[in-house]
């Protein structure tokens, strides 16, 4: 698998999974995607710490599905394979403190995001 650049999630059904704990939405996203792919992942470990997940994968305790930015932190120690099916949508949110001064640049950025410009 490590020599491949991409894979279907169903290709990973026999693998041991290391996931984030349930308080991370990514846990639910991965579980749902696995179920959509026809299997329930074999969870060998869950952690709330990004670095622990990466280190456990590097130590070959299992695989994990993480955002590319997290995977890139470990690119010298692990192989990174893109999941091409199913499409895993990752929704992001912009949060900021209510009733706090926002600079012109931040207000413009919020307007840009809200208008959904590419």
N, C-alpha and C. Protein backbone atom coordinates (compact mmCIF):
# COMPACT_ATOMS: atom_id res chain seq x y z
N UNK A 1 0.83 -1.20 0.00
CA UNK A 1 0.00 0.00 0.00
C UNK A 1 0.87 1.26 0.00
N UNK A 2 1.98 1.26 0.70
CA UNK A 2 2.76 2.48 0.88
C UNK A 2 3.36 3.01 -0.42
N UNK A 3 3.50 2.15 -1.44
CA UNK A 3 4.04 2.62 -2.71
C UNK A 3 2.99 3.32 -3.57
N UNK A 4 1.73 3.21 -3.19
CA UNK A 4 0.64 3.84 -3.93
C UNK A 4 0.47 5.29 -3.51
N UNK A 5 -0.04 6.09 -4.43
CA UNK A 5 -0.31 7.50 -4.15
C UNK A 5 -1.75 7.73 -3.72
N UNK A 6 -2.65 6.79 -4.10
CA UNK A 6 -4.05 6.92 -3.72
C UNK A 6 -4.66 5.53 -3.56
N UNK A 7 -5.80 5.49 -2.86
CA UNK A 7 -6.48 4.22 -2.61
C UNK A 7 -7.95 4.47 -2.33
N UNK A 8 -8.75 3.45 -2.54
CA UNK A 8 -10.13 3.48 -2.07
C UNK A 8 -10.11 3.13 -0.60
N UNK A 9 -10.99 3.72 0.17
CA UNK A 9 -11.05 3.41 1.60
C UNK A 9 -11.32 1.93 1.81
N UNK A 10 -12.11 1.32 0.96
CA UNK A 10 -12.41 -0.11 1.09
C UNK A 10 -11.15 -0.98 0.99
N UNK A 11 -10.10 -0.47 0.35
CA UNK A 11 -8.83 -1.20 0.27
C UNK A 11 -8.18 -1.37 1.64
N UNK A 12 -8.62 -0.58 2.61
CA UNK A 12 -7.98 -0.56 3.93
C UNK A 12 -8.75 -1.35 4.98
N UNK A 13 -9.75 -2.10 4.56
CA UNK A 13 -10.63 -2.76 5.53
C UNK A 13 -9.93 -3.77 6.42
N UNK A 14 -8.81 -4.31 6.01
CA UNK A 14 -8.08 -5.29 6.83
C UNK A 14 -7.03 -4.65 7.73
N UNK A 15 -6.87 -3.36 7.64
CA UNK A 15 -5.84 -2.66 8.41
C UNK A 15 -6.27 -2.37 9.84
N UNK A 16 -5.30 -2.20 10.72
CA UNK A 16 -5.54 -1.73 12.09
C UNK A 16 -5.58 -0.21 12.05
N UNK A 17 -6.62 0.38 12.64
CA UNK A 17 -6.80 1.83 12.60
C UNK A 17 -6.46 2.48 13.93
N UNK A 18 -5.82 3.61 13.84
CA UNK A 18 -5.56 4.48 14.98
C UNK A 18 -6.32 5.77 14.68
N UNK A 19 -7.31 6.07 15.50
CA UNK A 19 -8.16 7.23 15.25
C UNK A 19 -8.10 8.21 16.40
N UNK A 20 -8.63 9.38 16.13
CA UNK A 20 -8.80 10.36 17.19
C UNK A 20 -10.01 9.96 18.01
N UNK A 21 -10.06 10.42 19.23
CA UNK A 21 -11.17 10.09 20.12
C UNK A 21 -12.45 10.75 19.66
N UNK A 22 -13.54 10.32 20.27
CA UNK A 22 -14.87 10.75 19.85
C UNK A 22 -15.12 12.25 19.97
N UNK A 23 -14.36 12.96 20.78
CA UNK A 23 -14.60 14.40 20.87
C UNK A 23 -14.13 15.15 19.63
N UNK A 24 -13.39 14.49 18.76
CA UNK A 24 -13.00 15.07 17.48
C UNK A 24 -14.02 14.67 16.43
N UNK A 25 -14.51 15.60 15.67
CA UNK A 25 -15.48 15.30 14.61
C UNK A 25 -14.86 14.39 13.57
N UNK A 26 -13.54 14.45 13.43
CA UNK A 26 -12.87 13.59 12.47
C UNK A 26 -13.11 12.11 12.78
N UNK A 27 -13.26 11.77 14.04
CA UNK A 27 -13.57 10.38 14.43
C UNK A 27 -14.86 9.94 13.74
N UNK A 28 -15.90 10.75 13.86
CA UNK A 28 -17.19 10.41 13.26
C UNK A 28 -17.13 10.41 11.74
N UNK A 29 -16.38 11.34 11.17
CA UNK A 29 -16.24 11.42 9.71
C UNK A 29 -15.59 10.14 9.18
N UNK A 30 -14.53 9.68 9.84
CA UNK A 30 -13.83 8.47 9.40
C UNK A 30 -14.72 7.25 9.58
N UNK A 31 -15.38 7.15 10.74
CA UNK A 31 -16.26 6.00 10.98
C UNK A 31 -17.37 5.93 9.93
N UNK A 32 -17.97 7.07 9.63
CA UNK A 32 -19.05 7.12 8.62
C UNK A 32 -18.52 6.71 7.25
N UNK A 33 -17.36 7.21 6.88
CA UNK A 33 -16.78 6.87 5.57
C UNK A 33 -16.47 5.38 5.48
N UNK A 34 -15.96 4.81 6.56
CA UNK A 34 -15.69 3.37 6.56
C UNK A 34 -16.97 2.57 6.40
N UNK A 35 -18.00 2.94 7.12
CA UNK A 35 -19.28 2.25 7.01
C UNK A 35 -19.85 2.38 5.60
N UNK A 36 -19.70 3.56 4.99
CA UNK A 36 -20.14 3.76 3.61
C UNK A 36 -19.37 2.86 2.66
N UNK A 37 -18.14 2.52 3.03
CA UNK A 37 -17.29 1.68 2.21
C UNK A 37 -17.50 0.20 2.50
N UNK A 38 -18.43 -0.11 3.40
CA UNK A 38 -18.80 -1.50 3.63
C UNK A 38 -18.07 -2.22 4.74
N UNK A 39 -17.42 -1.49 5.63
CA UNK A 39 -16.74 -2.16 6.74
C UNK A 39 -16.69 -1.28 7.98
N UNK A 40 -16.52 -1.93 9.10
CA UNK A 40 -16.30 -1.23 10.36
C UNK A 40 -14.81 -1.36 10.66
N UNK A 41 -14.12 -0.23 10.89
CA UNK A 41 -12.66 -0.31 11.05
C UNK A 41 -12.26 -1.05 12.34
N UNK A 42 -11.15 -1.75 12.25
CA UNK A 42 -10.56 -2.43 13.40
C UNK A 42 -9.77 -1.39 14.20
N UNK A 43 -10.40 -0.82 15.22
CA UNK A 43 -9.76 0.23 16.02
C UNK A 43 -8.82 -0.41 17.04
N UNK A 44 -7.53 -0.10 16.91
CA UNK A 44 -6.57 -0.63 17.87
C UNK A 44 -6.17 0.41 18.91
N UNK A 45 -6.42 1.69 18.60
CA UNK A 45 -6.07 2.74 19.56
C UNK A 45 -6.78 4.03 19.17
N UNK A 46 -7.15 4.80 20.18
CA UNK A 46 -7.71 6.14 19.98
C UNK A 46 -6.94 7.11 20.86
N UNK A 47 -6.70 8.29 20.34
CA UNK A 47 -5.99 9.31 21.11
C UNK A 47 -6.60 10.68 20.81
N UNK A 48 -6.46 11.57 21.75
CA UNK A 48 -6.89 12.95 21.55
C UNK A 48 -5.71 13.83 21.12
N UNK A 49 -4.54 13.23 20.97
CA UNK A 49 -3.33 14.00 20.64
C UNK A 49 -2.85 13.67 19.23
N UNK A 50 -2.75 14.69 18.38
CA UNK A 50 -2.32 14.51 17.00
C UNK A 50 -0.95 13.84 16.94
N UNK A 51 -0.02 14.29 17.76
CA UNK A 51 1.34 13.74 17.71
C UNK A 51 1.40 12.27 18.10
N UNK A 52 0.59 11.86 19.06
CA UNK A 52 0.57 10.45 19.46
C UNK A 52 0.08 9.59 18.29
N UNK A 53 -0.97 10.03 17.62
CA UNK A 53 -1.49 9.29 16.47
C UNK A 53 -0.39 9.15 15.42
N UNK A 54 0.29 10.24 15.10
CA UNK A 54 1.36 10.21 14.10
C UNK A 54 2.51 9.31 14.51
N UNK A 55 2.89 9.39 15.77
CA UNK A 55 4.00 8.55 16.26
C UNK A 55 3.64 7.08 16.25
N UNK A 56 2.38 6.75 16.57
CA UNK A 56 1.96 5.35 16.56
C UNK A 56 1.94 4.79 15.14
N UNK A 57 1.54 5.61 14.19
CA UNK A 57 1.58 5.17 12.79
C UNK A 57 3.04 4.98 12.37
N UNK A 58 3.90 5.92 12.74
CA UNK A 58 5.32 5.81 12.40
C UNK A 58 5.95 4.56 13.02
N UNK A 59 5.45 4.16 14.19
CA UNK A 59 5.95 2.95 14.86
C UNK A 59 5.28 1.68 14.32
N UNK A 60 4.43 1.82 13.31
CA UNK A 60 3.77 0.72 12.61
C UNK A 60 2.77 -0.05 13.47
N UNK A 61 2.08 0.67 14.35
CA UNK A 61 1.00 0.06 15.13
C UNK A 61 -0.31 0.02 14.34
N UNK A 62 -0.39 0.79 13.27
CA UNK A 62 -1.60 0.84 12.46
C UNK A 62 -1.54 2.00 11.50
N UNK A 63 -2.70 2.27 10.90
CA UNK A 63 -2.82 3.39 9.97
C UNK A 63 -3.80 4.40 10.56
N UNK A 64 -3.81 5.58 10.00
CA UNK A 64 -4.77 6.58 10.44
C UNK A 64 -5.20 7.43 9.25
N UNK A 65 -6.35 8.03 9.39
CA UNK A 65 -6.85 8.97 8.39
C UNK A 65 -6.88 10.33 9.05
N UNK A 66 -6.06 11.21 8.55
CA UNK A 66 -5.90 12.54 9.15
C UNK A 66 -5.89 13.58 8.04
N UNK A 67 -6.11 14.84 8.40
CA UNK A 67 -5.97 15.90 7.40
C UNK A 67 -4.54 15.92 6.84
N UNK A 68 -4.42 16.30 5.59
CA UNK A 68 -3.11 16.31 4.93
C UNK A 68 -2.09 17.14 5.70
N UNK A 69 -2.53 18.24 6.30
CA UNK A 69 -1.60 19.09 7.04
C UNK A 69 -0.99 18.35 8.22
N UNK A 70 -1.74 17.45 8.84
CA UNK A 70 -1.21 16.65 9.95
C UNK A 70 -0.28 15.57 9.39
N UNK A 71 -0.71 14.91 8.34
CA UNK A 71 0.13 13.86 7.74
C UNK A 71 1.48 14.42 7.32
N UNK A 72 1.49 15.62 6.78
CA UNK A 72 2.74 16.22 6.31
C UNK A 72 3.74 16.45 7.43
N UNK A 73 3.27 16.54 8.66
CA UNK A 73 4.20 16.69 9.80
C UNK A 73 5.07 15.45 9.97
N UNK A 74 4.59 14.32 9.47
CA UNK A 74 5.28 13.05 9.65
C UNK A 74 5.78 12.48 8.32
N UNK A 75 5.83 13.30 7.28
CA UNK A 75 6.13 12.80 5.93
C UNK A 75 7.49 12.12 5.81
N UNK A 76 8.42 12.41 6.69
CA UNK A 76 9.73 11.75 6.65
C UNK A 76 9.69 10.38 7.33
N UNK A 77 8.59 10.09 8.05
CA UNK A 77 8.50 8.85 8.81
C UNK A 77 7.42 7.89 8.32
N UNK A 78 6.48 8.40 7.54
CA UNK A 78 5.34 7.58 7.11
C UNK A 78 5.10 7.78 5.62
N UNK A 79 4.32 6.88 5.04
CA UNK A 79 3.86 7.04 3.67
C UNK A 79 2.49 7.70 3.71
N UNK A 80 2.25 8.61 2.80
CA UNK A 80 0.97 9.32 2.73
C UNK A 80 0.26 8.86 1.46
N UNK A 81 -0.95 8.34 1.65
CA UNK A 81 -1.75 7.84 0.54
C UNK A 81 -3.09 8.57 0.58
N UNK A 82 -3.48 9.20 -0.51
CA UNK A 82 -4.75 9.93 -0.58
C UNK A 82 -5.91 8.94 -0.70
N UNK A 83 -7.00 9.24 -0.01
CA UNK A 83 -8.22 8.44 -0.12
C UNK A 83 -9.06 9.07 -1.24
N UNK A 84 -9.34 8.29 -2.28
CA UNK A 84 -10.07 8.84 -3.42
C UNK A 84 -11.56 8.49 -3.40
N UNK A 85 -11.94 7.46 -2.65
CA UNK A 85 -13.34 7.09 -2.58
C UNK A 85 -13.60 6.39 -1.26
N UNK A 86 -14.61 6.78 -0.52
CA UNK A 86 -15.57 7.83 -0.86
C UNK A 86 -14.95 9.21 -0.66
N UNK A 87 -15.57 10.19 -1.29
CA UNK A 87 -15.17 11.57 -1.08
C UNK A 87 -15.46 11.92 0.37
N UNK A 88 -14.44 12.34 1.10
CA UNK A 88 -14.63 12.71 2.50
C UNK A 88 -14.66 14.23 2.57
N UNK A 89 -15.83 14.75 2.88
CA UNK A 89 -15.96 16.20 2.99
C UNK A 89 -15.54 16.64 4.38
N UNK A 90 -14.78 17.69 4.41
CA UNK A 90 -14.26 18.21 5.67
C UNK A 90 -14.72 19.65 5.76
N UNK A 91 -15.68 19.91 6.63
CA UNK A 91 -16.21 21.26 6.77
C UNK A 91 -15.38 22.03 7.79
N UNK A 92 -15.06 23.24 7.42
CA UNK A 92 -14.30 24.13 8.30
C UNK A 92 -15.21 25.25 8.77
N UNK A 93 -14.88 25.78 9.91
CA UNK A 93 -15.66 26.89 10.46
C UNK A 93 -14.71 28.01 10.86
N UNK A 94 -15.16 29.21 10.68
CA UNK A 94 -14.42 30.38 11.12
C UNK A 94 -15.08 30.86 12.40
N UNK A 95 -14.34 30.92 13.46
CA UNK A 95 -14.90 31.39 14.73
C UNK A 95 -14.10 32.58 15.23
N UNK A 96 -14.80 33.46 15.91
CA UNK A 96 -14.14 34.62 16.50
C UNK A 96 -14.98 35.10 17.67
N UNK A 97 -14.35 35.83 18.56
CA UNK A 97 -15.01 36.28 19.78
C UNK A 97 -16.06 37.34 19.46
N UNK A 98 -17.26 37.15 20.04
CA UNK A 98 -18.34 38.12 19.86
C UNK A 98 -17.97 39.44 20.52
N UNK A 99 -18.49 40.49 19.96
CA UNK A 99 -18.36 41.83 20.54
C UNK A 99 -16.91 42.25 20.76
N UNK A 100 -16.00 41.76 19.94
CA UNK A 100 -14.60 42.16 20.02
C UNK A 100 -14.27 42.89 18.72
N UNK A 101 -13.41 43.87 18.81
CA UNK A 101 -13.02 44.63 17.64
C UNK A 101 -12.37 43.72 16.61
N UNK A 102 -12.80 43.86 15.36
CA UNK A 102 -12.20 43.14 14.25
C UNK A 102 -11.63 44.15 13.27
N UNK A 103 -10.40 43.92 12.87
CA UNK A 103 -9.76 44.85 11.93
C UNK A 103 -10.49 44.83 10.59
N UNK A 104 -10.23 45.83 9.79
CA UNK A 104 -10.82 45.92 8.46
C UNK A 104 -10.49 44.66 7.65
N UNK A 105 -9.24 44.22 7.71
CA UNK A 105 -8.82 43.04 6.95
C UNK A 105 -9.61 41.80 7.37
N UNK A 106 -9.81 41.63 8.66
CA UNK A 106 -10.56 40.47 9.16
C UNK A 106 -12.02 40.57 8.72
N UNK A 107 -12.62 41.74 8.83
CA UNK A 107 -14.01 41.91 8.39
C UNK A 107 -14.16 41.61 6.90
N UNK A 108 -13.22 42.07 6.10
CA UNK A 108 -13.25 41.79 4.66
C UNK A 108 -13.08 40.29 4.38
N UNK A 109 -12.22 39.65 5.14
CA UNK A 109 -12.03 38.21 4.98
C UNK A 109 -13.31 37.46 5.31
N UNK A 110 -13.98 37.85 6.38
CA UNK A 110 -15.25 37.22 6.77
C UNK A 110 -16.28 37.41 5.66
N UNK A 111 -16.37 38.60 5.11
CA UNK A 111 -17.30 38.86 4.01
C UNK A 111 -16.96 37.98 2.81
N UNK A 112 -15.70 37.87 2.50
CA UNK A 112 -15.23 37.05 1.38
C UNK A 112 -15.65 35.59 1.59
N UNK A 113 -15.45 35.07 2.77
CA UNK A 113 -15.81 33.67 3.09
C UNK A 113 -17.33 33.49 3.01
N UNK A 114 -18.08 34.43 3.58
CA UNK A 114 -19.53 34.30 3.60
C UNK A 114 -20.14 34.33 2.19
N UNK A 115 -19.49 35.05 1.28
CA UNK A 115 -20.00 35.12 -0.08
C UNK A 115 -19.64 33.89 -0.90
N UNK A 116 -18.78 33.02 -0.33
CA UNK A 116 -18.43 31.76 -0.98
C UNK A 116 -17.65 31.92 -2.26
N UNK A 117 -16.82 32.92 -2.33
CA UNK A 117 -16.00 33.11 -3.53
C UNK A 117 -14.92 32.03 -3.59
N UNK A 118 -14.62 31.57 -4.80
CA UNK A 118 -13.58 30.54 -4.96
C UNK A 118 -12.20 31.06 -4.67
